Amino acid sequence: MKKRLILMMMTLLLSVSSFAQFEKGKTYFSTGFSSASLTYTGSERWKLDLGVKGGYMLEDCWMGLVQGEYSDHKYEPKALSLGVAVRYYLAENGIFFGAGVNYYHHSFEGESHSDMMPTVHVGYAHFLGKSVTVEPEVFYNQSLKNHGEYSKLGFRLNLGIYLDDLF
């Protein structure tokens, strides 16, 4: 009986401390070097991109995000992506779901392509300390111009920082 009571109290304590990380008013930053995404598309094959994200907890468990990503490879298009998204966290365990839209532009050997891409992602915020996270994330970006060539399914590994009341 004592073991069950202690286990229940520890579980309650962990869920309360986990919820505190996703409170309204927190600011979020994800550093560029750790927002690497390994993606596969019909036209680009495998590549590694670097990105940056910033966000703000609008309500408990709800975050608004702005994000940018850039890639520059020798034999592939230079690409720039800018977007906005919203993310919902399950406070009990740090799993998050998100959706948004990205403006995507790439150019290669004199040709360029621009696209608006709806995006969805799911991931997990694993706290290394009070405010630093490692966040593996799976995402899908849907091309509105050419699904077969430019839609992306990929994996990201972000290093995030959650800060109290910056704004």
N, C-alpha and C. Protein backbone atom coordinates (compact mmCIF):
# COMPACT_ATOMS: atom_id res chain seq x y z
N MET A 1 0.82 -1.19 0.00
CA MET A 1 0.00 0.00 0.00
C MET A 1 0.86 1.26 0.00
N LYS A 2 1.94 1.26 0.82
CA LYS A 2 2.83 2.42 0.87
C LYS A 2 3.50 2.65 -0.48
N LYS A 3 3.90 1.57 -1.12
CA LYS A 3 4.56 1.70 -2.41
C LYS A 3 3.63 2.32 -3.44
N ARG A 4 2.38 1.91 -3.44
CA ARG A 4 1.41 2.48 -4.37
C ARG A 4 1.19 3.96 -4.11
N LEU A 5 1.08 4.32 -2.83
CA LEU A 5 0.88 5.72 -2.47
C LEU A 5 2.07 6.57 -2.90
N ILE A 6 3.27 6.08 -2.65
CA ILE A 6 4.48 6.81 -3.06
C ILE A 6 4.55 6.92 -4.57
N LEU A 7 4.22 5.85 -5.27
CA LEU A 7 4.22 5.87 -6.73
C LEU A 7 3.20 6.86 -7.27
N MET A 8 2.01 6.90 -6.69
CA MET A 8 0.98 7.85 -7.12
C MET A 8 1.42 9.28 -6.86
N MET A 9 2.06 9.54 -5.72
CA MET A 9 2.53 10.90 -5.41
C MET A 9 3.64 11.32 -6.36
N MET A 10 4.54 10.41 -6.69
CA MET A 10 5.62 10.74 -7.63
C MET A 10 5.04 11.03 -9.02
N THR A 11 4.07 10.24 -9.44
CA THR A 11 3.44 10.47 -10.73
C THR A 11 2.75 11.82 -10.76
N LEU A 12 2.04 12.16 -9.70
CA LEU A 12 1.38 13.47 -9.60
C LEU A 12 2.40 14.59 -9.65
N LEU A 13 3.48 14.45 -8.92
CA LEU A 13 4.54 15.47 -8.90
C LEU A 13 5.14 15.65 -10.28
N LEU A 14 5.42 14.55 -10.98
CA LEU A 14 5.98 14.64 -12.33
C LEU A 14 5.01 15.29 -13.30
N SER A 15 3.72 14.97 -13.19
CA SER A 15 2.77 15.57 -14.12
C SER A 15 2.58 17.05 -13.83
N VAL A 16 2.63 17.47 -12.57
CA VAL A 16 2.51 18.89 -12.23
C VAL A 16 3.74 19.64 -12.71
N SER A 17 4.93 19.09 -12.51
CA SER A 17 6.15 19.77 -12.96
C SER A 17 6.23 19.80 -14.47
N SER A 18 5.73 18.77 -15.14
CA SER A 18 5.71 18.77 -16.59
C SER A 18 4.77 19.85 -17.11
N PHE A 19 3.61 20.02 -16.50
CA PHE A 19 2.65 21.03 -16.93
C PHE A 19 3.22 22.43 -16.78
N ALA A 20 4.04 22.65 -15.77
CA ALA A 20 4.61 23.99 -15.53
C ALA A 20 5.45 24.45 -16.72
N GLN A 21 5.99 23.55 -17.49
CA GLN A 21 6.82 23.93 -18.63
C GLN A 21 5.98 24.47 -19.79
N PHE A 22 4.69 24.17 -19.82
CA PHE A 22 3.84 24.55 -20.94
C PHE A 22 2.78 25.57 -20.53
N GLU A 23 3.11 26.44 -19.58
CA GLU A 23 2.19 27.47 -19.10
C GLU A 23 2.14 28.67 -20.04
N LYS A 24 1.03 29.37 -20.02
CA LYS A 24 0.87 30.61 -20.77
C LYS A 24 1.98 31.58 -20.37
N GLY A 25 2.57 32.27 -21.36
CA GLY A 25 3.59 33.27 -21.09
C GLY A 25 5.01 32.79 -21.29
N LYS A 26 5.25 31.50 -21.51
CA LYS A 26 6.60 31.01 -21.77
C LYS A 26 7.02 31.39 -23.19
N THR A 27 8.30 31.67 -23.35
CA THR A 27 8.87 31.95 -24.66
C THR A 27 9.76 30.79 -25.06
N TYR A 28 9.76 30.45 -26.33
CA TYR A 28 10.49 29.28 -26.83
C TYR A 28 11.44 29.71 -27.94
N PHE A 29 12.66 29.19 -27.89
CA PHE A 29 13.64 29.37 -28.97
C PHE A 29 14.25 28.01 -29.30
N SER A 30 14.50 27.79 -30.56
CA SER A 30 15.20 26.59 -31.00
C SER A 30 16.40 27.05 -31.80
N THR A 31 17.57 26.65 -31.38
CA THR A 31 18.79 27.11 -32.03
C THR A 31 18.95 26.49 -33.41
N GLY A 32 19.56 27.27 -34.30
CA GLY A 32 19.68 26.87 -35.70
C GLY A 32 20.49 25.63 -35.93
N PHE A 33 21.59 25.45 -35.22
CA PHE A 33 22.45 24.31 -35.52
C PHE A 33 21.80 22.99 -35.14
N SER A 34 20.85 23.02 -34.24
CA SER A 34 20.26 21.76 -33.82
C SER A 34 18.93 21.47 -34.49
N SER A 35 18.42 22.40 -35.28
CA SER A 35 17.17 22.15 -35.99
C SER A 35 17.46 21.50 -37.33
N ALA A 36 18.22 20.43 -37.30
CA ALA A 36 18.59 19.75 -38.54
C ALA A 36 17.47 18.83 -38.97
N SER A 37 17.12 18.86 -40.24
CA SER A 37 16.09 17.95 -40.74
C SER A 37 16.67 17.10 -41.85
N LEU A 38 16.46 15.84 -41.74
CA LEU A 38 16.88 14.89 -42.76
C LEU A 38 15.63 14.54 -43.53
N THR A 39 15.51 15.02 -44.77
CA THR A 39 14.27 14.85 -45.52
C THR A 39 14.51 14.10 -46.81
N TYR A 40 13.43 13.55 -47.33
CA TYR A 40 13.46 12.91 -48.64
C TYR A 40 12.33 13.49 -49.47
N THR A 41 12.64 13.99 -50.64
CA THR A 41 11.62 14.46 -51.57
C THR A 41 11.92 13.85 -52.93
N GLY A 42 10.97 13.93 -53.84
CA GLY A 42 11.16 13.37 -55.17
C GLY A 42 12.26 14.05 -55.95
N SER A 43 12.46 15.35 -55.75
CA SER A 43 13.43 16.08 -56.56
C SER A 43 14.77 16.27 -55.87
N GLU A 44 14.84 16.15 -54.56
CA GLU A 44 16.07 16.51 -53.84
C GLU A 44 16.78 15.35 -53.19
N ARG A 45 16.17 14.20 -53.09
CA ARG A 45 16.73 13.03 -52.40
C ARG A 45 17.03 13.38 -50.94
N TRP A 46 18.14 12.87 -50.39
CA TRP A 46 18.44 13.11 -48.98
C TRP A 46 19.24 14.39 -48.83
N LYS A 47 18.93 15.17 -47.79
CA LYS A 47 19.70 16.39 -47.52
C LYS A 47 19.56 16.76 -46.05
N LEU A 48 20.42 17.65 -45.62
CA LEU A 48 20.43 18.12 -44.25
C LEU A 48 20.24 19.62 -44.25
N ASP A 49 19.20 20.13 -43.58
CA ASP A 49 18.88 21.56 -43.53
C ASP A 49 19.06 22.08 -42.11
N LEU A 50 19.30 23.36 -42.01
CA LEU A 50 19.41 24.01 -40.71
C LEU A 50 18.29 25.03 -40.57
N GLY A 51 17.73 25.13 -39.38
CA GLY A 51 16.61 26.04 -39.18
C GLY A 51 16.63 26.68 -37.81
N VAL A 52 15.68 27.58 -37.63
CA VAL A 52 15.51 28.28 -36.36
C VAL A 52 14.02 28.45 -36.12
N LYS A 53 13.61 28.37 -34.86
CA LYS A 53 12.21 28.54 -34.49
C LYS A 53 12.12 29.45 -33.27
N GLY A 54 11.04 30.17 -33.20
CA GLY A 54 10.72 30.97 -32.02
C GLY A 54 9.25 30.85 -31.75
N GLY A 55 8.86 30.86 -30.47
CA GLY A 55 7.45 30.70 -30.17
C GLY A 55 7.08 31.33 -28.85
N TYR A 56 5.78 31.38 -28.62
CA TYR A 56 5.24 31.95 -27.39
C TYR A 56 4.02 31.15 -26.99
N MET A 57 3.92 30.80 -25.70
CA MET A 57 2.78 30.06 -25.20
C MET A 57 1.60 31.02 -25.07
N LEU A 58 0.65 30.92 -25.99
CA LEU A 58 -0.51 31.80 -26.04
C LEU A 58 -1.50 31.47 -24.92
N GLU A 59 -1.65 30.21 -24.63
CA GLU A 59 -2.47 29.68 -23.54
C GLU A 59 -1.74 28.47 -23.00
N ASP A 60 -2.20 27.93 -21.88
CA ASP A 60 -1.59 26.71 -21.37
C ASP A 60 -1.66 25.63 -22.45
N CYS A 61 -0.52 25.05 -22.77
CA CYS A 61 -0.35 23.97 -23.74
C CYS A 61 -0.48 24.38 -25.20
N TRP A 62 -0.74 25.65 -25.53
CA TRP A 62 -0.87 26.12 -26.91
C TRP A 62 0.24 27.12 -27.23
N MET A 63 1.04 26.82 -28.25
CA MET A 63 2.14 27.69 -28.63
C MET A 63 1.97 28.18 -30.07
N GLY A 64 2.22 29.47 -30.30
CA GLY A 64 2.32 30.02 -31.63
C GLY A 64 3.79 30.05 -32.02
N LEU A 65 4.12 29.65 -33.24
CA LEU A 65 5.51 29.53 -33.69
C LEU A 65 5.75 30.33 -34.97
N VAL A 66 6.95 30.87 -35.10
CA VAL A 66 7.48 31.34 -36.37
C VAL A 66 8.73 30.51 -36.62
N GLN A 67 8.98 30.18 -37.86
CA GLN A 67 10.10 29.30 -38.16
C GLN A 67 10.74 29.65 -39.50
N GLY A 68 12.01 29.37 -39.61
CA GLY A 68 12.74 29.58 -40.84
C GLY A 68 13.72 28.46 -41.05
N GLU A 69 13.98 28.14 -42.31
CA GLU A 69 14.92 27.07 -42.64
C GLU A 69 15.68 27.46 -43.90
N TYR A 70 16.96 27.14 -43.95
CA TYR A 70 17.79 27.45 -45.11
C TYR A 70 18.67 26.26 -45.44
N SER A 71 18.85 26.01 -46.73
CA SER A 71 19.79 24.98 -47.17
C SER A 71 20.55 25.48 -48.38
N ASP A 72 21.82 25.12 -48.45
CA ASP A 72 22.69 25.51 -49.56
C ASP A 72 23.63 24.35 -49.82
N HIS A 73 23.38 23.61 -50.90
CA HIS A 73 24.18 22.45 -51.24
C HIS A 73 24.79 22.65 -52.63
N LYS A 74 25.92 22.04 -52.86
CA LYS A 74 26.66 22.25 -54.10
C LYS A 74 25.87 21.84 -55.34
N TYR A 75 25.24 20.66 -55.31
CA TYR A 75 24.56 20.16 -56.50
C TYR A 75 23.04 20.17 -56.36
N GLU A 76 22.52 20.92 -55.41
CA GLU A 76 21.08 20.99 -55.20
C GLU A 76 20.64 22.43 -55.07
N PRO A 77 19.34 22.69 -55.15
CA PRO A 77 18.85 24.05 -55.05
C PRO A 77 19.14 24.70 -53.69
N LYS A 78 19.42 26.01 -53.73
CA LYS A 78 19.46 26.78 -52.51
C LYS A 78 18.00 27.01 -52.13
N ALA A 79 17.66 26.81 -50.88
CA ALA A 79 16.25 26.89 -50.50
C ALA A 79 16.08 27.72 -49.23
N LEU A 80 14.98 28.45 -49.18
CA LEU A 80 14.61 29.26 -48.03
C LEU A 80 13.14 28.96 -47.73
N SER A 81 12.84 28.73 -46.46
CA SER A 81 11.48 28.47 -46.04
C SER A 81 11.18 29.33 -44.82
N LEU A 82 10.05 30.04 -44.84
CA LEU A 82 9.60 30.85 -43.71
C LEU A 82 8.16 30.48 -43.43
N GLY A 83 7.80 30.36 -42.14
CA GLY A 83 6.44 29.94 -41.87
C GLY A 83 5.94 30.28 -40.48
N VAL A 84 4.67 30.02 -40.28
CA VAL A 84 4.01 30.18 -38.99
C VAL A 84 3.27 28.88 -38.69
N ALA A 85 3.14 28.58 -37.40
CA ALA A 85 2.47 27.34 -36.99
C ALA A 85 1.89 27.51 -35.60
N VAL A 86 1.07 26.56 -35.23
CA VAL A 86 0.55 26.46 -33.87
C VAL A 86 0.84 25.04 -33.39
N ARG A 87 1.14 24.92 -32.11
CA ARG A 87 1.53 23.64 -31.54
C ARG A 87 0.73 23.40 -30.27
N TYR A 88 0.24 22.17 -30.08
CA TYR A 88 -0.46 21.79 -28.86
C TYR A 88 0.34 20.71 -28.13
N TYR A 89 0.58 20.92 -26.83
CA TYR A 89 1.34 19.98 -26.01
C TYR A 89 0.41 19.15 -25.13
N LEU A 90 0.68 17.87 -25.02
CA LEU A 90 0.05 17.06 -23.99
C LEU A 90 0.89 17.26 -22.73
N ALA A 91 0.35 17.95 -21.75
CA ALA A 91 1.12 18.36 -20.57
C ALA A 91 1.62 17.17 -19.77
N GLU A 92 0.92 16.06 -19.84
CA GLU A 92 1.30 14.90 -19.02
C GLU A 92 2.62 14.29 -19.45
N ASN A 93 2.98 14.41 -20.74
CA ASN A 93 4.16 13.69 -21.21
C ASN A 93 5.05 14.46 -22.18
N GLY A 94 4.68 15.65 -22.62
CA GLY A 94 5.53 16.45 -23.50
C GLY A 94 5.38 16.16 -24.98
N ILE A 95 4.46 15.27 -25.36
CA ILE A 95 4.20 15.03 -26.78
C ILE A 95 3.48 16.25 -27.34
N PHE A 96 3.85 16.67 -28.56
CA PHE A 96 3.18 17.81 -29.16
C PHE A 96 2.74 17.51 -30.60
N PHE A 97 1.68 18.23 -31.00
CA PHE A 97 1.13 18.14 -32.35
C PHE A 97 1.08 19.56 -32.90
N GLY A 98 1.42 19.74 -34.16
CA GLY A 98 1.42 21.07 -34.72
C GLY A 98 0.95 21.10 -36.16
N ALA A 99 0.53 22.29 -36.58
CA ALA A 99 0.11 22.52 -37.96
C ALA A 99 0.41 23.97 -38.32
N GLY A 100 0.68 24.21 -39.58
CA GLY A 100 0.97 25.57 -40.01
C GLY A 100 1.09 25.66 -41.51
N VAL A 101 1.72 26.74 -41.95
CA VAL A 101 1.94 26.96 -43.38
C VAL A 101 3.32 27.60 -43.56
N ASN A 102 4.03 27.17 -44.60
CA ASN A 102 5.36 27.68 -44.90
C ASN A 102 5.38 28.25 -46.32
N TYR A 103 6.10 29.36 -46.50
CA TYR A 103 6.43 29.86 -47.82
C TYR A 103 7.79 29.25 -48.15
N TYR A 104 7.88 28.58 -49.28
CA TYR A 104 9.10 27.89 -49.67
C TYR A 104 9.58 28.44 -51.00
N HIS A 105 10.88 28.76 -51.10
CA HIS A 105 11.47 29.25 -52.34
C HIS A 105 12.82 28.58 -52.54
N HIS A 106 13.06 28.06 -53.74
CA HIS A 106 14.39 27.54 -54.06
C HIS A 106 14.80 27.96 -55.46
N SER A 107 16.11 28.04 -55.65
CA SER A 107 16.65 28.38 -56.97
C SER A 107 17.86 27.51 -57.24
N PHE A 108 18.02 27.13 -58.51
CA PHE A 108 19.12 26.27 -58.91
C PHE A 108 19.37 26.46 -60.40
N GLU A 109 20.59 26.79 -60.75
CA GLU A 109 21.02 26.95 -62.15
C GLU A 109 20.06 27.84 -62.94
N GLY A 110 19.72 29.00 -62.39
CA GLY A 110 18.90 29.97 -63.08
C GLY A 110 17.40 29.76 -62.99
N GLU A 111 16.96 28.63 -62.48
CA GLU A 111 15.53 28.37 -62.34
C GLU A 111 15.13 28.55 -60.88
N SER A 112 13.91 29.02 -60.66
CA SER A 112 13.43 29.16 -59.29
C SER A 112 12.00 28.65 -59.17
N HIS A 113 11.63 28.33 -57.95
CA HIS A 113 10.31 27.77 -57.65
C HIS A 113 9.85 28.31 -56.31
N SER A 114 8.63 28.79 -56.23
CA SER A 114 8.04 29.24 -54.97
C SER A 114 6.77 28.46 -54.73
N ASP A 115 6.45 28.23 -53.46
CA ASP A 115 5.32 27.39 -53.12
C ASP A 115 4.82 27.74 -51.72
N MET A 116 3.53 27.61 -51.48
CA MET A 116 2.97 27.67 -50.14
C MET A 116 2.73 26.23 -49.73
N MET A 117 3.23 25.85 -48.55
CA MET A 117 3.16 24.46 -48.14
C MET A 117 2.50 24.32 -46.77
N PRO A 118 1.28 23.77 -46.71
CA PRO A 118 0.72 23.42 -45.40
C PRO A 118 1.61 22.36 -44.76
N THR A 119 1.75 22.41 -43.45
CA THR A 119 2.64 21.48 -42.76
C THR A 119 1.99 20.95 -41.49
N VAL A 120 2.30 19.72 -41.15
CA VAL A 120 1.90 19.12 -39.88
C VAL A 120 3.14 18.46 -39.28
N HIS A 121 3.18 18.41 -37.96
CA HIS A 121 4.30 17.76 -37.29
C HIS A 121 3.86 17.18 -35.95
N VAL A 122 4.57 16.17 -35.51
CA VAL A 122 4.35 15.56 -34.20
C VAL A 122 5.72 15.28 -33.61
N GLY A 123 5.86 15.52 -32.31
CA GLY A 123 7.15 15.33 -31.68
C GLY A 123 7.04 15.17 -30.18
N TYR A 124 8.19 15.20 -29.54
CA TYR A 124 8.27 14.99 -28.10
C TYR A 124 9.29 15.95 -27.52
N ALA A 125 8.90 16.71 -26.49
CA ALA A 125 9.80 17.63 -25.80
C ALA A 125 10.37 16.92 -24.57
N HIS A 126 11.61 16.46 -24.67
CA HIS A 126 12.28 15.79 -23.56
C HIS A 126 13.15 16.81 -22.83
N PHE A 127 12.78 17.12 -21.60
CA PHE A 127 13.50 18.14 -20.83
C PHE A 127 14.78 17.57 -20.25
N LEU A 128 15.91 18.24 -20.57
CA LEU A 128 17.21 17.87 -20.02
C LEU A 128 17.45 18.57 -18.68
N GLY A 129 16.74 19.65 -18.46
CA GLY A 129 16.81 20.44 -17.23
C GLY A 129 15.51 21.18 -17.08
N LYS A 130 15.55 22.30 -16.38
CA LYS A 130 14.32 23.06 -16.16
C LYS A 130 13.78 23.69 -17.44
N SER A 131 14.67 24.10 -18.35
CA SER A 131 14.19 24.82 -19.52
C SER A 131 14.79 24.37 -20.85
N VAL A 132 15.70 23.43 -20.88
CA VAL A 132 16.35 22.98 -22.12
C VAL A 132 15.77 21.63 -22.53
N THR A 133 15.42 21.52 -23.82
CA THR A 133 14.83 20.29 -24.33
C THR A 133 15.56 19.75 -25.55
N VAL A 134 15.45 18.46 -25.74
CA VAL A 134 15.78 17.81 -27.00
C VAL A 134 14.44 17.38 -27.56
N GLU A 135 14.18 17.75 -28.84
CA GLU A 135 12.86 17.52 -29.41
C GLU A 135 12.93 16.79 -30.75
N PRO A 136 12.83 15.46 -30.73
CA PRO A 136 12.70 14.76 -32.00
C PRO A 136 11.30 15.03 -32.57
N GLU A 137 11.23 15.16 -33.88
CA GLU A 137 9.98 15.58 -34.52
C GLU A 137 9.88 14.98 -35.92
N VAL A 138 8.73 14.47 -36.28
CA VAL A 138 8.43 14.00 -37.63
C VAL A 138 7.50 15.03 -38.26
N PHE A 139 7.77 15.40 -39.52
CA PHE A 139 6.95 16.42 -40.17
C PHE A 139 6.60 16.03 -41.60
N TYR A 140 5.52 16.66 -42.09
CA TYR A 140 5.13 16.49 -43.48
C TYR A 140 4.73 17.86 -44.03
N ASN A 141 5.37 18.28 -45.12
CA ASN A 141 5.04 19.52 -45.82
C ASN A 141 4.42 19.15 -47.15
N GLN A 142 3.20 19.63 -47.40
CA GLN A 142 2.45 19.31 -48.62
C GLN A 142 2.61 20.43 -49.64
N SER A 143 3.22 20.14 -50.78
CA SER A 143 3.35 21.13 -51.84
C SER A 143 2.00 21.34 -52.52
N LEU A 144 1.64 22.60 -52.72
CA LEU A 144 0.40 22.89 -53.43
C LEU A 144 0.62 22.97 -54.95
N LYS A 145 1.87 23.11 -55.38
CA LYS A 145 2.17 23.22 -56.82
C LYS A 145 2.49 21.88 -57.47
N ASN A 146 3.31 21.07 -56.81
CA ASN A 146 3.73 19.80 -57.40
C ASN A 146 3.97 18.79 -56.28
N HIS A 147 2.93 18.04 -55.96
CA HIS A 147 3.00 17.10 -54.83
C HIS A 147 4.17 16.11 -54.96
N GLY A 148 4.34 15.52 -56.11
CA GLY A 148 5.34 14.48 -56.30
C GLY A 148 6.78 14.95 -56.16
N GLU A 149 7.06 16.17 -56.58
CA GLU A 149 8.44 16.65 -56.57
C GLU A 149 8.82 17.43 -55.31
N TYR A 150 7.89 18.15 -54.69
CA TYR A 150 8.28 19.08 -53.64
C TYR A 150 7.69 18.81 -52.26
N SER A 151 6.72 17.92 -52.13
CA SER A 151 6.22 17.57 -50.80
C SER A 151 7.33 16.89 -50.01
N LYS A 152 7.35 17.11 -48.70
CA LYS A 152 8.45 16.60 -47.89
C LYS A 152 7.92 15.81 -46.70
N LEU A 153 8.51 14.67 -46.46
CA LEU A 153 8.32 13.89 -45.25
C LEU A 153 9.70 13.80 -44.61
N GLY A 154 9.82 14.17 -43.34
CA GLY A 154 11.15 14.18 -42.76
C GLY A 154 11.17 14.09 -41.25
N PHE A 155 12.37 14.12 -40.73
CA PHE A 155 12.64 14.03 -39.30
C PHE A 155 13.52 15.20 -38.89
N ARG A 156 13.21 15.84 -37.78
CA ARG A 156 14.02 16.93 -37.23
C ARG A 156 14.45 16.59 -35.82
N LEU A 157 15.58 17.11 -35.43
CA LEU A 157 16.03 17.02 -34.06
C LEU A 157 16.38 18.43 -33.61
N ASN A 158 15.55 19.00 -32.74
CA ASN A 158 15.71 20.37 -32.27
C ASN A 158 16.25 20.41 -30.86
N LEU A 159 16.99 21.45 -30.56
CA LEU A 159 17.41 21.76 -29.20
C LEU A 159 16.65 23.02 -28.82
N GLY A 160 15.70 22.89 -27.90
CA GLY A 160 14.83 24.00 -27.55
C GLY A 160 15.14 24.58 -26.18
N ILE A 161 14.78 25.85 -26.02
CA ILE A 161 14.93 26.54 -24.74
C ILE A 161 13.61 27.22 -24.42
N TYR A 162 13.06 26.92 -23.26
CA TYR A 162 11.80 27.51 -22.78
C TYR A 162 12.14 28.51 -21.68
N LEU A 163 11.76 29.77 -21.88
CA LEU A 163 12.09 30.83 -20.93
C LEU A 163 10.82 31.45 -20.35
N ASP A 164 10.89 31.92 -19.11
CA ASP A 164 9.74 32.53 -18.44
C ASP A 164 9.60 34.00 -18.80
N ASP A 165 8.39 34.43 -19.09
CA ASP A 165 7.96 35.82 -19.14
C ASP A 165 8.95 36.80 -19.76
N LEU A 166 9.34 36.60 -21.01
CA LEU A 166 10.20 37.56 -21.68
C LEU A 166 9.41 38.74 -22.23
N PHE A 167 8.14 38.50 -22.55
CA PHE A 167 7.31 39.55 -23.15
C PHE A 167 6.19 39.92 -22.22
